[in-house]
Amino acid sequence: MVSFQQKFEILGITVVNFATLDLNLLRVLDAILREGSTTKAGERLGVSQSAVSNALNRLRHSLSDELFVRHGNRLVPTDFAASIKDGLQEQLNRLEGLLTQSADFDPLQAKGNFKISASDFFAELLMPSLGDSLNHKAPGVTAQLVDLVPDNYVDSLDRFQADIALIPDTKLPDWINREPLFHSTFSVIGRAENPALANVESTTELPLEVFCDLSHVLFSPEGKLAAMGDAALAKVGRKRQVAMTLPVFSGVCRAVNESDLIALIPTQLAQQVAGGRNLKFFVPPFEIAPALIIAIWHRRSDENPMSKWMRQQIFDLMKPLDDW
């Protein structure tokens, strides 16, 4: 199989003058390799499908290779196109980094969007403080909190759908970088008027019988009926009754605030919402291992000035939340 470098050396001598090759065509090639479709590649690049098809035809002529063959609804790369995929992405990312680092980064003058993939936990714990910080330090930068799709956050970084994701610690591919942010313990929340909680002081340990007798609201974007708390509870030979699941923490807190249900949520969030709602929060009656929350991002953005600056703002705001 002809390598990326060998192919281009051949092209530079006998087929095409590489110095005159439109580098935008390589961006199109990269997008089609990522998406497997001219339509989706066009959406990624912000151009029409016909423009992508025209660029692909020019590439085929310039590179003397078919590049893609149709298989059903997908474009399957030829051996040559598949062989240069990683190298092409690496070189385009390196070129982007080279150009974006050519000038000093000034937050006050910066313009752009920065997408944060995270649960709505961070709508409470991060975004208000980050918004205030950006308003003073970088008024031209827009922070966007987007849904954290379970099992899809790595793909969202690869597809440029997010610049950073805030997630529980997990195994990651080697092209992802990570930064530990904080450990989160867990607390039980219940409304102050809940008669079953009348004799239990807020911030104290909730009796195990009360925890198991009351029905629970469970945070679960996927609609699962069990979580970390259930595994810990099983170790002491008990179960809890889940009355409902909700995909957002805000819904969990509201459901508890307006019923006699209780919920097990991160302690930082429990402390934050208890003050603004008529809620008590308690220590669980069993041990739950704290969750380590980390920030992850694509290595291609390591030296991107705005991304690097925004990551540091998030680190500075989140690391003080460590309560373990």
C-alpha atoms as a PDB file:
ATOM      1  CA  MET A   1       0.000   0.000   0.000  1.00  0.00           C
ATOM      2  CA  VAL A   2       1.321   3.436  -0.929  1.00  0.00           C
ATOM      3  CA  SER A   3       1.889   5.642   2.105  1.00  0.00           C
ATOM      4  CA  PHE A   4       0.597   9.187   2.564  1.00  0.00           C
ATOM      5  CA  GLN A   5       4.082  10.660   2.165  1.00  0.00           C
ATOM      6  CA  GLN A   6       5.026   8.464  -0.830  1.00  0.00           C
ATOM      7  CA  LYS A   7       1.798   9.279  -2.644  1.00  0.00           C
ATOM      8  CA  PHE A   8       2.292  12.993  -2.281  1.00  0.00           C
ATOM      9  CA  GLU A   9       5.957  12.757  -3.289  1.00  0.00           C
ATOM     10  CA  ILE A  10       4.851  11.003  -6.464  1.00  0.00           C
ATOM     11  CA  LEU A  11       2.156  13.602  -7.037  1.00  0.00           C
ATOM     12  CA  GLY A  12       4.574  16.464  -6.537  1.00  0.00           C
ATOM     13  CA  ILE A  13       6.860  15.139  -9.264  1.00  0.00           C
ATOM     14  CA  THR A  14       4.704  13.494 -11.885  1.00  0.00           C
ATOM     15  CA  VAL A  15       1.036  14.285 -11.416  1.00  0.00           C
ATOM     16  CA  VAL A  16       0.351  17.576  -9.694  1.00  0.00           C
ATOM     17  CA  ASN A  17       2.255  20.565  -8.420  1.00  0.00           C
ATOM     18  CA  PHE A  18       1.633  20.245  -4.695  1.00  0.00           C
ATOM     19  CA  ALA A  19       2.453  23.915  -4.195  1.00  0.00           C
ATOM     20  CA  THR A  20      -0.670  24.834  -6.182  1.00  0.00           C
ATOM     21  CA  LEU A  21      -2.994  22.293  -4.559  1.00  0.00           C
ATOM     22  CA  ASP A  22      -5.918  24.052  -2.855  1.00  0.00           C
ATOM     23  CA  LEU A  23      -5.631  23.156   0.827  1.00  0.00           C
ATOM     24  CA  ASN A  24      -9.379  23.633   1.195  1.00  0.00           C
ATOM     25  CA  LEU A  25      -9.747  20.446  -0.824  1.00  0.00           C
ATOM     26  CA  LEU A  26      -7.882  18.586   1.907  1.00  0.00           C
ATOM     27  CA  ARG A  27     -10.351  19.935   4.468  1.00  0.00           C
ATOM     28  CA  VAL A  28     -13.141  18.522   2.310  1.00  0.00           C
ATOM     29  CA  LEU A  29     -11.363  15.174   2.100  1.00  0.00           C
ATOM     30  CA  ASP A  30     -10.936  15.126   5.871  1.00  0.00           C
ATOM     31  CA  ALA A  31     -14.628  15.924   6.397  1.00  0.00           C
ATOM     32  CA  ILE A  32     -15.790  13.136   4.057  1.00  0.00           C
ATOM     33  CA  LEU A  33     -13.444  10.680   5.770  1.00  0.00           C
ATOM     34  CA  ARG A  34     -14.964  11.620   9.114  1.00  0.00           C
ATOM     35  CA  GLU A  35     -18.607  11.643   8.016  1.00  0.00           C
ATOM     36  CA  GLY A  36     -18.788   9.039   5.231  1.00  0.00           C
ATOM     37  CA  SER A  37     -21.212  11.274   3.344  1.00  0.00           C
ATOM     38  CA  THR A  38     -20.952  14.357   1.142  1.00  0.00           C
ATOM     39  CA  THR A  39     -24.134  15.751   2.709  1.00  0.00           C
ATOM     40  CA  LYS A  40     -22.845  15.411   6.283  1.00  0.00           C
ATOM     41  CA  ALA A  41     -19.418  16.672   5.236  1.00  0.00           C
ATOM     42  CA  GLY A  42     -21.122  19.756   3.815  1.00  0.00           C
ATOM     43  CA  GLU A  43     -22.969  20.292   7.100  1.00  0.00           C
ATOM     44  CA  ARG A  44     -19.672  20.035   8.999  1.00  0.00           C
ATOM     45  CA  LEU A  45     -18.000  22.557   6.691  1.00  0.00           C
ATOM     46  CA  GLY A  46     -20.990  24.840   6.266  1.00  0.00           C
ATOM     47  CA  VAL A  47     -21.204  24.380   2.490  1.00  0.00           C
ATOM     48  CA  SER A  48     -23.658  22.711   0.120  1.00  0.00           C
ATOM     49  CA  GLN A  49     -23.578  19.031  -0.806  1.00  0.00           C
ATOM     50  CA  SER A  50     -22.945  19.972  -4.434  1.00  0.00           C
ATOM     51  CA  ALA A  51     -19.910  22.037  -3.428  1.00  0.00           C
ATOM     52  CA  VAL A  52     -18.512  19.015  -1.582  1.00  0.00           C
ATOM     53  CA  SER A  53     -19.163  16.758  -4.584  1.00  0.00           C
ATOM     54  CA  ASN A  54     -17.410  19.221  -6.895  1.00  0.00           C
ATOM     55  CA  ALA A  55     -14.431  19.371  -4.542  1.00  0.00           C
ATOM     56  CA  LEU A  56     -14.328  15.577  -4.397  1.00  0.00           C
ATOM     57  CA  ASN A  57     -14.208  15.383  -8.193  1.00  0.00           C
ATOM     58  CA  ARG A  58     -11.282  17.832  -8.236  1.00  0.00           C
ATOM     59  CA  LEU A  59      -9.506  15.765  -5.585  1.00  0.00           C
ATOM     60  CA  ARG A  60      -9.973  12.580  -7.569  1.00  0.00           C
ATOM     61  CA  HIS A  61      -8.386  14.220 -10.589  1.00  0.00           C
ATOM     62  CA  SER A  62      -5.534  15.796  -8.605  1.00  0.00           C
ATOM     63  CA  LEU A  63      -4.704  12.696  -6.585  1.00  0.00           C
ATOM     64  CA  SER A  64      -5.307  10.151  -9.366  1.00  0.00           C
ATOM     65  CA  ASP A  65      -7.381   8.013  -7.019  1.00  0.00           C
ATOM     66  CA  GLU A  66     -11.115   7.329  -6.769  1.00  0.00           C
ATOM     67  CA  LEU A  67     -10.840   8.096  -2.987  1.00  0.00           C
ATOM     68  CA  PHE A  68     -14.370   6.790  -2.199  1.00  0.00           C
ATOM     69  CA  VAL A  69     -16.725   4.163  -3.574  1.00  0.00           C
ATOM     70  CA  ARG A  70     -20.425   4.092  -2.775  1.00  0.00           C
ATOM     71  CA  HIS A  71     -21.735   1.307  -0.541  1.00  0.00           C
ATOM     72  CA  GLY A  72     -25.443   1.771   0.117  1.00  0.00           C
ATOM     73  CA  ASN A  73     -25.863   5.214   1.682  1.00  0.00           C
ATOM     74  CA  ARG A  74     -22.225   5.529   2.665  1.00  0.00           C
ATOM     75  CA  LEU A  75     -19.035   6.442   0.888  1.00  0.00           C
ATOM     76  CA  VAL A  76     -16.366   3.871   1.658  1.00  0.00           C
ATOM     77  CA  PRO A  77     -12.762   5.114   1.389  1.00  0.00           C
ATOM     78  CA  THR A  78     -10.355   3.423  -0.993  1.00  0.00           C
ATOM     79  CA  ASP A  79      -7.235   1.837   0.458  1.00  0.00           C
ATOM     80  CA  PHE A  80      -5.278   5.006  -0.275  1.00  0.00           C
ATOM     81  CA  ALA A  81      -7.856   7.328   1.289  1.00  0.00           C
ATOM     82  CA  ALA A  82      -8.092   5.092   4.374  1.00  0.00           C
ATOM     83  CA  SER A  83      -4.288   5.005   4.679  1.00  0.00           C
ATOM     84  CA  ILE A  84      -3.981   8.801   4.851  1.00  0.00           C
ATOM     85  CA  LYS A  85      -6.934   9.459   7.176  1.00  0.00           C
ATOM     86  CA  ASP A  86      -4.995   9.745  10.439  1.00  0.00           C
ATOM     87  CA  GLY A  87      -2.049  11.534   8.878  1.00  0.00           C
ATOM     88  CA  LEU A  88      -4.309  14.030   7.138  1.00  0.00           C
ATOM     89  CA  GLN A  89      -6.182  14.871  10.341  1.00  0.00           C
ATOM     90  CA  GLU A  90      -2.906  15.254  12.217  1.00  0.00           C
ATOM     91  CA  GLN A  91      -1.406  17.581   9.628  1.00  0.00           C
ATOM     92  CA  LEU A  92      -4.531  19.744   9.341  1.00  0.00           C
ATOM     93  CA  ASN A  93      -4.739  20.028  13.132  1.00  0.00           C
ATOM     94  CA  ARG A  94      -1.058  20.934  13.279  1.00  0.00           C
ATOM     95  CA  LEU A  95      -1.546  23.615  10.630  1.00  0.00           C
ATOM     96  CA  GLU A  96      -4.554  25.021  12.506  1.00  0.00           C
ATOM     97  CA  GLY A  97      -2.525  25.130  15.710  1.00  0.00           C
ATOM     98  CA  LEU A  98       0.372  26.812  13.924  1.00  0.00           C
ATOM     99  CA  LEU A  99      -1.860  29.562  12.563  1.00  0.00           C
ATOM    100  CA  THR A 100      -3.911  30.142  15.718  1.00  0.00           C
ATOM    101  CA  GLN A 101      -0.763  30.433  17.829  1.00  0.00           C
ATOM    102  CA  SER A 102       0.754  33.042  15.552  1.00  0.00           C
ATOM    103  CA  ALA A 103      -0.769  35.900  17.553  1.00  0.00           C
ATOM    104  CA  ASP A 104      -0.978  36.546  21.286  1.00  0.00           C
ATOM    105  CA  PHE A 105      -4.376  35.666  22.751  1.00  0.00           C
ATOM    106  CA  ASP A 106      -6.238  38.607  24.260  1.00  0.00           C
ATOM    107  CA  PRO A 107      -9.437  37.487  26.043  1.00  0.00           C
ATOM    108  CA  LEU A 108     -10.882  41.002  25.928  1.00  0.00           C
ATOM    109  CA  GLN A 109     -10.616  41.055  22.125  1.00  0.00           C
ATOM    110  CA  ALA A 110     -11.427  37.378  21.490  1.00  0.00           C
ATOM    111  CA  LYS A 111     -14.516  36.358  19.545  1.00  0.00           C
ATOM    112  CA  GLY A 112     -15.934  32.851  19.374  1.00  0.00           C
ATOM    113  CA  ASN A 113     -18.049  30.072  20.871  1.00  0.00           C
ATOM    114  CA  PHE A 114     -16.975  27.399  23.329  1.00  0.00           C
ATOM    115  CA  LYS A 115     -19.208  24.347  23.767  1.00  0.00           C
ATOM    116  CA  ILE A 116     -19.268  22.481  27.079  1.00  0.00           C
ATOM    117  CA  SER A 117     -20.853  19.031  27.049  1.00  0.00           C
ATOM    118  CA  ALA A 118     -22.105  18.280  30.559  1.00  0.00           C
ATOM    119  CA  SER A 119     -25.155  17.399  32.629  1.00  0.00           C
ATOM    120  CA  ASP A 120     -27.342  20.179  34.000  1.00  0.00           C
ATOM    121  CA  PHE A 121     -25.477  19.750  37.298  1.00  0.00           C
ATOM    122  CA  PHE A 122     -23.092  22.252  35.727  1.00  0.00           C
ATOM    123  CA  ALA A 123     -25.904  24.645  34.849  1.00  0.00           C
ATOM    124  CA  GLU A 124     -26.035  25.252  38.601  1.00  0.00           C
ATOM    125  CA  LEU A 125     -22.424  24.774  39.649  1.00  0.00           C
ATOM    126  CA  LEU A 126     -20.435  26.189  36.712  1.00  0.00           C
ATOM    127  CA  MET A 127     -22.350  28.344  34.252  1.00  0.00           C
ATOM    128  CA  PRO A 128     -23.410  31.245  36.530  1.00  0.00           C
ATOM    129  CA  SER A 129     -19.831  31.811  37.718  1.00  0.00           C
ATOM    130  CA  LEU A 130     -18.393  31.230  34.258  1.00  0.00           C
ATOM    131  CA  GLY A 131     -20.886  33.673  32.765  1.00  0.00           C
ATOM    132  CA  ASP A 132     -19.890  36.357  35.251  1.00  0.00           C
ATOM    133  CA  SER A 133     -16.198  35.707  34.574  1.00  0.00           C
ATOM    134  CA  LEU A 134     -16.604  35.906  30.801  1.00  0.00           C
ATOM    135  CA  ASN A 135     -18.660  39.070  31.076  1.00  0.00           C
ATOM    136  CA  HIS A 136     -15.667  40.782  32.661  1.00  0.00           C
ATOM    137  CA  LYS A 137     -12.712  39.001  31.073  1.00  0.00           C
ATOM    138  CA  ALA A 138     -13.883  37.909  27.606  1.00  0.00           C
ATOM    139  CA  PRO A 139     -17.187  39.556  26.616  1.00  0.00           C
ATOM    140  CA  GLY A 140     -16.871  38.380  22.997  1.00  0.00           C
ATOM    141  CA  VAL A 141     -16.704  34.688  23.938  1.00  0.00           C
ATOM    142  CA  THR A 142     -19.961  32.726  24.189  1.00  0.00           C
ATOM    143  CA  ALA A 143     -20.084  29.660  26.455  1.00  0.00           C
ATOM    144  CA  GLN A 144     -22.651  27.034  25.423  1.00  0.00           C
ATOM    145  CA  LEU A 145     -23.719  24.214  27.726  1.00  0.00           C
ATOM    146  CA  VAL A 146     -24.909  21.356  25.517  1.00  0.00           C
ATOM    147  CA  ASP A 147     -26.477  18.035  26.481  1.00  0.00           C
ATOM    148  CA  LEU A 148     -24.108  15.331  27.628  1.00  0.00           C
ATOM    149  CA  VAL A 149     -25.205  12.311  25.601  1.00  0.00           C
ATOM    150  CA  PRO A 150     -24.386   9.112  27.560  1.00  0.00           C
ATOM    151  CA  ASP A 151     -21.740   6.967  25.858  1.00  0.00           C
ATOM    152  CA  ASN A 152     -21.372   9.579  23.094  1.00  0.00           C
ATOM    153  CA  TYR A 153     -19.308  12.374  24.641  1.00  0.00           C
ATOM    154  CA  VAL A 154     -16.030  11.159  23.134  1.00  0.00           C
ATOM    155  CA  ASP A 155     -17.612  11.106  19.683  1.00  0.00           C
ATOM    156  CA  SER A 156     -18.963  14.634  20.233  1.00  0.00           C
ATOM    157  CA  LEU A 157     -15.396  15.859  20.794  1.00  0.00           C
ATOM    158  CA  ASP A 158     -14.187  14.090  17.667  1.00  0.00           C
ATOM    159  CA  ARG A 159     -17.004  15.593  15.572  1.00  0.00           C
ATOM    160  CA  PHE A 160     -16.409  19.159  16.818  1.00  0.00           C
ATOM    161  CA  GLN A 161     -19.816  19.126  18.565  1.00  0.00           C
ATOM    162  CA  ALA A 162     -18.173  20.048  21.869  1.00  0.00           C
ATOM    163  CA  ASP A 163     -14.877  21.620  22.911  1.00  0.00           C
ATOM    164  CA  ILE A 164     -14.813  19.994  26.336  1.00  0.00           C
ATOM    165  CA  ALA A 165     -16.855  17.406  28.233  1.00  0.00           C
ATOM    166  CA  LEU A 166     -17.257  17.160  32.013  1.00  0.00           C
ATOM    167  CA  ILE A 167     -17.833  13.544  33.021  1.00  0.00           C
ATOM    168  CA  PRO A 168     -17.201  10.917  35.727  1.00  0.00           C
ATOM    169  CA  ASP A 169     -13.753   9.371  35.378  1.00  0.00           C
ATOM    170  CA  THR A 170     -13.584   6.567  32.837  1.00  0.00           C
ATOM    171  CA  LYS A 171     -11.234   4.852  30.396  1.00  0.00           C
ATOM    172  CA  LEU A 172     -10.526   7.037  27.363  1.00  0.00           C
ATOM    173  CA  PRO A 173      -8.814   6.724  23.969  1.00  0.00           C
ATOM    174  CA  ASP A 174      -5.261   8.047  23.734  1.00  0.00           C
ATOM    175  CA  TRP A 175      -6.277  11.039  21.579  1.00  0.00           C
ATOM    176  CA  ILE A 176      -8.287  12.441  24.488  1.00  0.00           C
ATOM    177  CA  ASN A 177      -6.669  14.553  27.197  1.00  0.00           C
ATOM    178  CA  ARG A 178      -8.061  14.742  30.721  1.00  0.00           C
ATOM    179  CA  GLU A 179      -7.855  16.933  33.827  1.00  0.00           C
ATOM    180  CA  PRO A 180      -9.175  15.841  37.259  1.00  0.00           C
ATOM    181  CA  LEU A 181     -11.558  18.468  38.630  1.00  0.00           C
ATOM    182  CA  PHE A 182     -13.168  17.332  41.879  1.00  0.00           C
ATOM    183  CA  HIS A 183     -14.463  14.383  43.859  1.00  0.00           C
ATOM    184  CA  SER A 184     -18.172  14.396  44.508  1.00  0.00           C
ATOM    185  CA  THR A 185     -19.697  12.684  47.495  1.00  0.00           C
ATOM    186  CA  PHE A 186     -23.453  12.117  47.682  1.00  0.00           C
ATOM    187  CA  SER A 187     -26.260  13.445  49.851  1.00  0.00           C
ATOM    188  CA  VAL A 188     -29.945  12.651  50.254  1.00  0.00           C
ATOM    189  CA  ILE A 189     -32.413  15.481  49.707  1.00  0.00           C
ATOM    190  CA  GLY A 190     -36.034  15.698  50.870  1.00  0.00           C
ATOM    191  CA  ARG A 191     -38.491  18.531  51.352  1.00  0.00           C
ATOM    192  CA  ALA A 192     -38.659  20.071  54.795  1.00  0.00           C
ATOM    193  CA  GLU A 193     -42.426  19.340  55.131  1.00  0.00           C
ATOM    194  CA  ASN A 194     -41.978  15.614  54.428  1.00  0.00           C
ATOM    195  CA  PRO A 195     -43.517  14.050  57.587  1.00  0.00           C
ATOM    196  CA  ALA A 196     -41.096  11.103  57.462  1.00  0.00           C
ATOM    197  CA  LEU A 197     -38.209  13.556  57.817  1.00  0.00           C
ATOM    198  CA  ALA A 198     -39.699  15.733  60.556  1.00  0.00           C
ATOM    199  CA  ASN A 199     -37.513  14.262  63.316  1.00  0.00           C
ATOM    200  CA  VAL A 200     -34.292  14.108  61.285  1.00  0.00           C
ATOM    201  CA  GLU A 201     -32.041  17.169  61.413  1.00  0.00           C
ATOM    202  CA  SER A 202     -30.652  18.442  58.136  1.00  0.00           C
ATOM    203  CA  THR A 203     -26.965  17.544  57.504  1.00  0.00           C
ATOM    204  CA  THR A 204     -27.189  14.500  59.835  1.00  0.00           C
ATOM    205  CA  GLU A 205     -27.262  10.854  58.772  1.00  0.00           C
ATOM    206  CA  LEU A 206     -30.616   9.668  57.446  1.00  0.00           C
ATOM    207  CA  PRO A 207     -31.719   6.404  59.133  1.00  0.00           C
ATOM    208  CA  LEU A 208     -31.493   3.398  56.834  1.00  0.00           C
ATOM    209  CA  GLU A 209     -35.140   2.446  57.439  1.00  0.00           C
ATOM    210  CA  VAL A 210     -36.320   5.891  56.388  1.00  0.00           C
ATOM    211  CA  PHE A 211     -34.110   5.794  53.299  1.00  0.00           C
ATOM    212  CA  CYS A 212     -35.553   2.434  52.220  1.00  0.00           C
ATOM    213  CA  ASP A 213     -39.176   3.143  53.195  1.00  0.00           C
ATOM    214  CA  LEU A 214     -39.490   6.351  51.163  1.00  0.00           C
ATOM    215  CA  SER A 215     -39.811   6.319  47.374  1.00  0.00           C
ATOM    216  CA  HIS A 216     -37.011   7.832  45.303  1.00  0.00           C
ATOM    217  CA  VAL A 217     -36.465  10.031  42.263  1.00  0.00           C
ATOM    218  CA  LEU A 218     -33.469   8.787  40.290  1.00  0.00           C
ATOM    219  CA  PHE A 219     -31.337  10.915  37.971  1.00  0.00           C
ATOM    220  CA  SER A 220     -30.774   8.884  34.802  1.00  0.00           C
ATOM    221  CA  PRO A 221     -30.503  10.318  31.272  1.00  0.00           C
ATOM    222  CA  GLU A 222     -30.971   6.777  29.907  1.00  0.00           C
ATOM    223  CA  GLY A 223     -33.947   5.929  32.145  1.00  0.00           C
ATOM    224  CA  LYS A 224     -32.099   3.263  34.120  1.00  0.00           C
ATOM    225  CA  LEU A 225     -33.713   2.106  37.362  1.00  0.00           C
ATOM    226  CA  ALA A 226     -30.473   1.631  39.288  1.00  0.00           C
ATOM    227  CA  ALA A 227     -27.325   3.684  39.907  1.00  0.00           C
ATOM    228  CA  MET A 228     -24.274   3.875  42.176  1.00  0.00           C
ATOM    229  CA  GLY A 229     -26.439   4.196  45.282  1.00  0.00           C
ATOM    230  CA  ASP A 230     -28.180   0.904  44.568  1.00  0.00           C
ATOM    231  CA  ALA A 231     -24.916  -1.003  44.334  1.00  0.00           C
ATOM    232  CA  ALA A 232     -23.799   0.471  47.655  1.00  0.00           C
ATOM    233  CA  LEU A 233     -27.165  -0.303  49.232  1.00  0.00           C
ATOM    234  CA  ALA A 234     -27.002  -3.910  48.028  1.00  0.00           C
ATOM    235  CA  LYS A 235     -23.782  -4.357  50.003  1.00  0.00           C
ATOM    236  CA  VAL A 236     -25.782  -3.915  53.205  1.00  0.00           C
ATOM    237  CA  GLY A 237     -28.505  -6.229  51.933  1.00  0.00           C
ATOM    238  CA  ARG A 238     -31.164  -3.609  51.220  1.00  0.00           C
ATOM    239  CA  LYS A 239     -33.052  -2.151  48.253  1.00  0.00           C
ATOM    240  CA  ARG A 240     -34.822   1.127  47.569  1.00  0.00           C
ATOM    241  CA  GLN A 241     -38.045   1.872  45.727  1.00  0.00           C
ATOM    242  CA  VAL A 242     -37.590   4.051  42.636  1.00  0.00           C
ATOM    243  CA  ALA A 243     -40.809   5.932  41.869  1.00  0.00           C
ATOM    244  CA  MET A 244     -39.529   7.792  38.815  1.00  0.00           C
ATOM    245  CA  THR A 245     -36.443   8.616  36.799  1.00  0.00           C
ATOM    246  CA  LEU A 246     -35.609  11.994  35.272  1.00  0.00           C
ATOM    247  CA  PRO A 247     -32.878  12.954  32.772  1.00  0.00           C
ATOM    248  CA  VAL A 248     -31.979  16.264  34.467  1.00  0.00           C
ATOM    249  CA  PHE A 249     -30.981  17.163  38.022  1.00  0.00           C
ATOM    250  CA  SER A 250     -33.223  20.235  37.965  1.00  0.00           C
ATOM    251  CA  GLY A 251     -36.229  17.958  37.471  1.00  0.00           C
ATOM    252  CA  VAL A 252     -35.073  15.673  40.281  1.00  0.00           C
ATOM    253  CA  CYS A 253     -34.786  18.587  42.695  1.00  0.00           C
ATOM    254  CA  ARG A 254     -38.176  20.005  41.704  1.00  0.00           C
ATOM    255  CA  ALA A 255     -39.892  16.631  42.059  1.00  0.00           C
ATOM    256  CA  VAL A 256     -38.467  16.256  45.571  1.00  0.00           C
ATOM    257  CA  ASN A 257     -39.408  19.829  46.442  1.00  0.00           C
ATOM    258  CA  GLU A 258     -43.052  19.219  45.506  1.00  0.00           C
ATOM    259  CA  SER A 259     -43.607  15.706  46.893  1.00  0.00           C
ATOM    260  CA  ASP A 260     -42.652  13.276  49.638  1.00  0.00           C
ATOM    261  CA  LEU A 261     -40.097  11.611  47.374  1.00  0.00           C
ATOM    262  CA  ILE A 262     -36.385  11.757  48.189  1.00  0.00           C
ATOM    263  CA  ALA A 263     -33.300  11.616  46.001  1.00  0.00           C
ATOM    264  CA  LEU A 264     -29.618  10.830  46.174  1.00  0.00           C
ATOM    265  CA  ILE A 265     -27.624  13.543  44.372  1.00  0.00           C
ATOM    266  CA  PRO A 266     -24.080  15.005  44.406  1.00  0.00           C
ATOM    267  CA  THR A 267     -23.370  16.818  47.656  1.00  0.00           C
ATOM    268  CA  GLN A 268     -22.233  20.020  45.923  1.00  0.00           C
ATOM    269  CA  LEU A 269     -25.581  20.265  44.171  1.00  0.00           C
ATOM    270  CA  ALA A 270     -27.524  19.383  47.331  1.00  0.00           C
ATOM    271  CA  GLN A 271     -25.840  22.217  49.201  1.00  0.00           C
ATOM    272  CA  GLN A 272     -26.451  24.619  46.328  1.00  0.00           C
ATOM    273  CA  VAL A 273     -30.176  23.938  45.885  1.00  0.00           C
ATOM    274  CA  ALA A 274     -31.096  23.471  49.551  1.00  0.00           C
ATOM    275  CA  GLY A 275     -30.666  27.164  50.253  1.00  0.00           C
ATOM    276  CA  GLY A 276     -32.948  28.286  47.441  1.00  0.00           C
ATOM    277  CA  ARG A 277     -35.614  25.594  47.938  1.00  0.00           C
ATOM    278  CA  ASN A 278     -37.383  24.287  50.996  1.00  0.00           C
ATOM    279  CA  LEU A 279     -35.146  21.223  51.179  1.00  0.00           C
ATOM    280  CA  LYS A 280     -33.187  19.336  53.788  1.00  0.00           C
ATOM    281  CA  PHE A 281     -30.117  17.319  52.895  1.00  0.00           C
ATOM    282  CA  PHE A 282     -28.702  14.342  54.754  1.00  0.00           C
ATOM    283  CA  VAL A 283     -25.717  12.006  54.924  1.00  0.00           C
ATOM    284  CA  PRO A 284     -26.582   8.607  53.334  1.00  0.00           C
ATOM    285  CA  PRO A 285     -26.815   5.700  55.812  1.00  0.00           C
ATOM    286  CA  PHE A 286     -24.204   3.658  53.893  1.00  0.00           C
ATOM    287  CA  GLU A 287     -20.891   4.261  52.165  1.00  0.00           C
ATOM    288  CA  ILE A 288     -20.826   5.402  48.531  1.00  0.00           C
ATOM    289  CA  ALA A 289     -17.471   5.845  46.844  1.00  0.00           C
ATOM    290  CA  PRO A 290     -17.017   9.470  45.732  1.00  0.00           C
ATOM    291  CA  ALA A 291     -17.149  10.042  41.983  1.00  0.00           C
ATOM    292  CA  LEU A 292     -14.131  11.746  40.394  1.00  0.00           C
ATOM    293  CA  ILE A 293     -15.316  14.313  37.868  1.00  0.00           C
ATOM    294  CA  ILE A 294     -12.881  15.073  35.042  1.00  0.00           C
ATOM    295  CA  ALA A 295     -12.661  17.388  32.063  1.00  0.00           C
ATOM    296  CA  ILE A 296     -11.812  15.832  28.699  1.00  0.00           C
ATOM    297  CA  TRP A 297     -10.962  17.350  25.328  1.00  0.00           C
ATOM    298  CA  HIS A 298      -9.443  16.385  21.975  1.00  0.00           C
ATOM    299  CA  ARG A 299      -5.648  16.623  21.836  1.00  0.00           C
ATOM    300  CA  ARG A 300      -5.906  18.675  18.649  1.00  0.00           C
ATOM    301  CA  SER A 301      -7.066  21.592  20.863  1.00  0.00           C
ATOM    302  CA  ASP A 302      -4.177  21.406  23.323  1.00  0.00           C
ATOM    303  CA  GLU A 303      -2.521  24.593  22.092  1.00  0.00           C
ATOM    304  CA  ASN A 304      -5.544  26.387  20.653  1.00  0.00           C
ATOM    305  CA  PRO A 305      -5.300  29.731  22.519  1.00  0.00           C
ATOM    306  CA  MET A 306      -8.997  30.329  23.175  1.00  0.00           C
ATOM    307  CA  SER A 307      -9.689  26.688  24.070  1.00  0.00           C
ATOM    308  CA  LYS A 308      -6.677  26.606  26.366  1.00  0.00           C
ATOM    309  CA  TRP A 309      -7.797  29.803  28.107  1.00  0.00           C
ATOM    310  CA  MET A 310     -11.400  28.603  28.463  1.00  0.00           C
ATOM    311  CA  ARG A 311     -10.310  25.257  29.882  1.00  0.00           C
ATOM    312  CA  GLN A 312      -8.307  27.054  32.538  1.00  0.00           C
ATOM    313  CA  GLN A 313     -11.315  29.184  33.517  1.00  0.00           C
ATOM    314  CA  ILE A 314     -13.338  26.002  34.011  1.00  0.00           C
ATOM    315  CA  PHE A 315     -10.540  24.323  35.981  1.00  0.00           C
ATOM    316  CA  ASP A 316     -10.242  27.342  38.283  1.00  0.00           C
ATOM    317  CA  LEU A 317     -13.975  27.355  38.996  1.00  0.00           C
ATOM    318  CA  MET A 318     -14.441  23.597  39.411  1.00  0.00           C
ATOM    319  CA  LYS A 319     -11.417  22.438  41.393  1.00  0.00           C
ATOM    320  CA  PRO A 320     -12.475  24.287  44.583  1.00  0.00           C
ATOM    321  CA  LEU A 321     -15.579  22.066  44.642  1.00  0.00           C
ATOM    322  CA  ASP A 322     -13.476  19.091  45.746  1.00  0.00           C
ATOM    323  CA  ASP A 323     -15.011  17.910  49.037  1.00  0.00           C
ATOM    324  CA  TRP A 324     -13.113  14.672  49.567  1.00  0.00           C
END
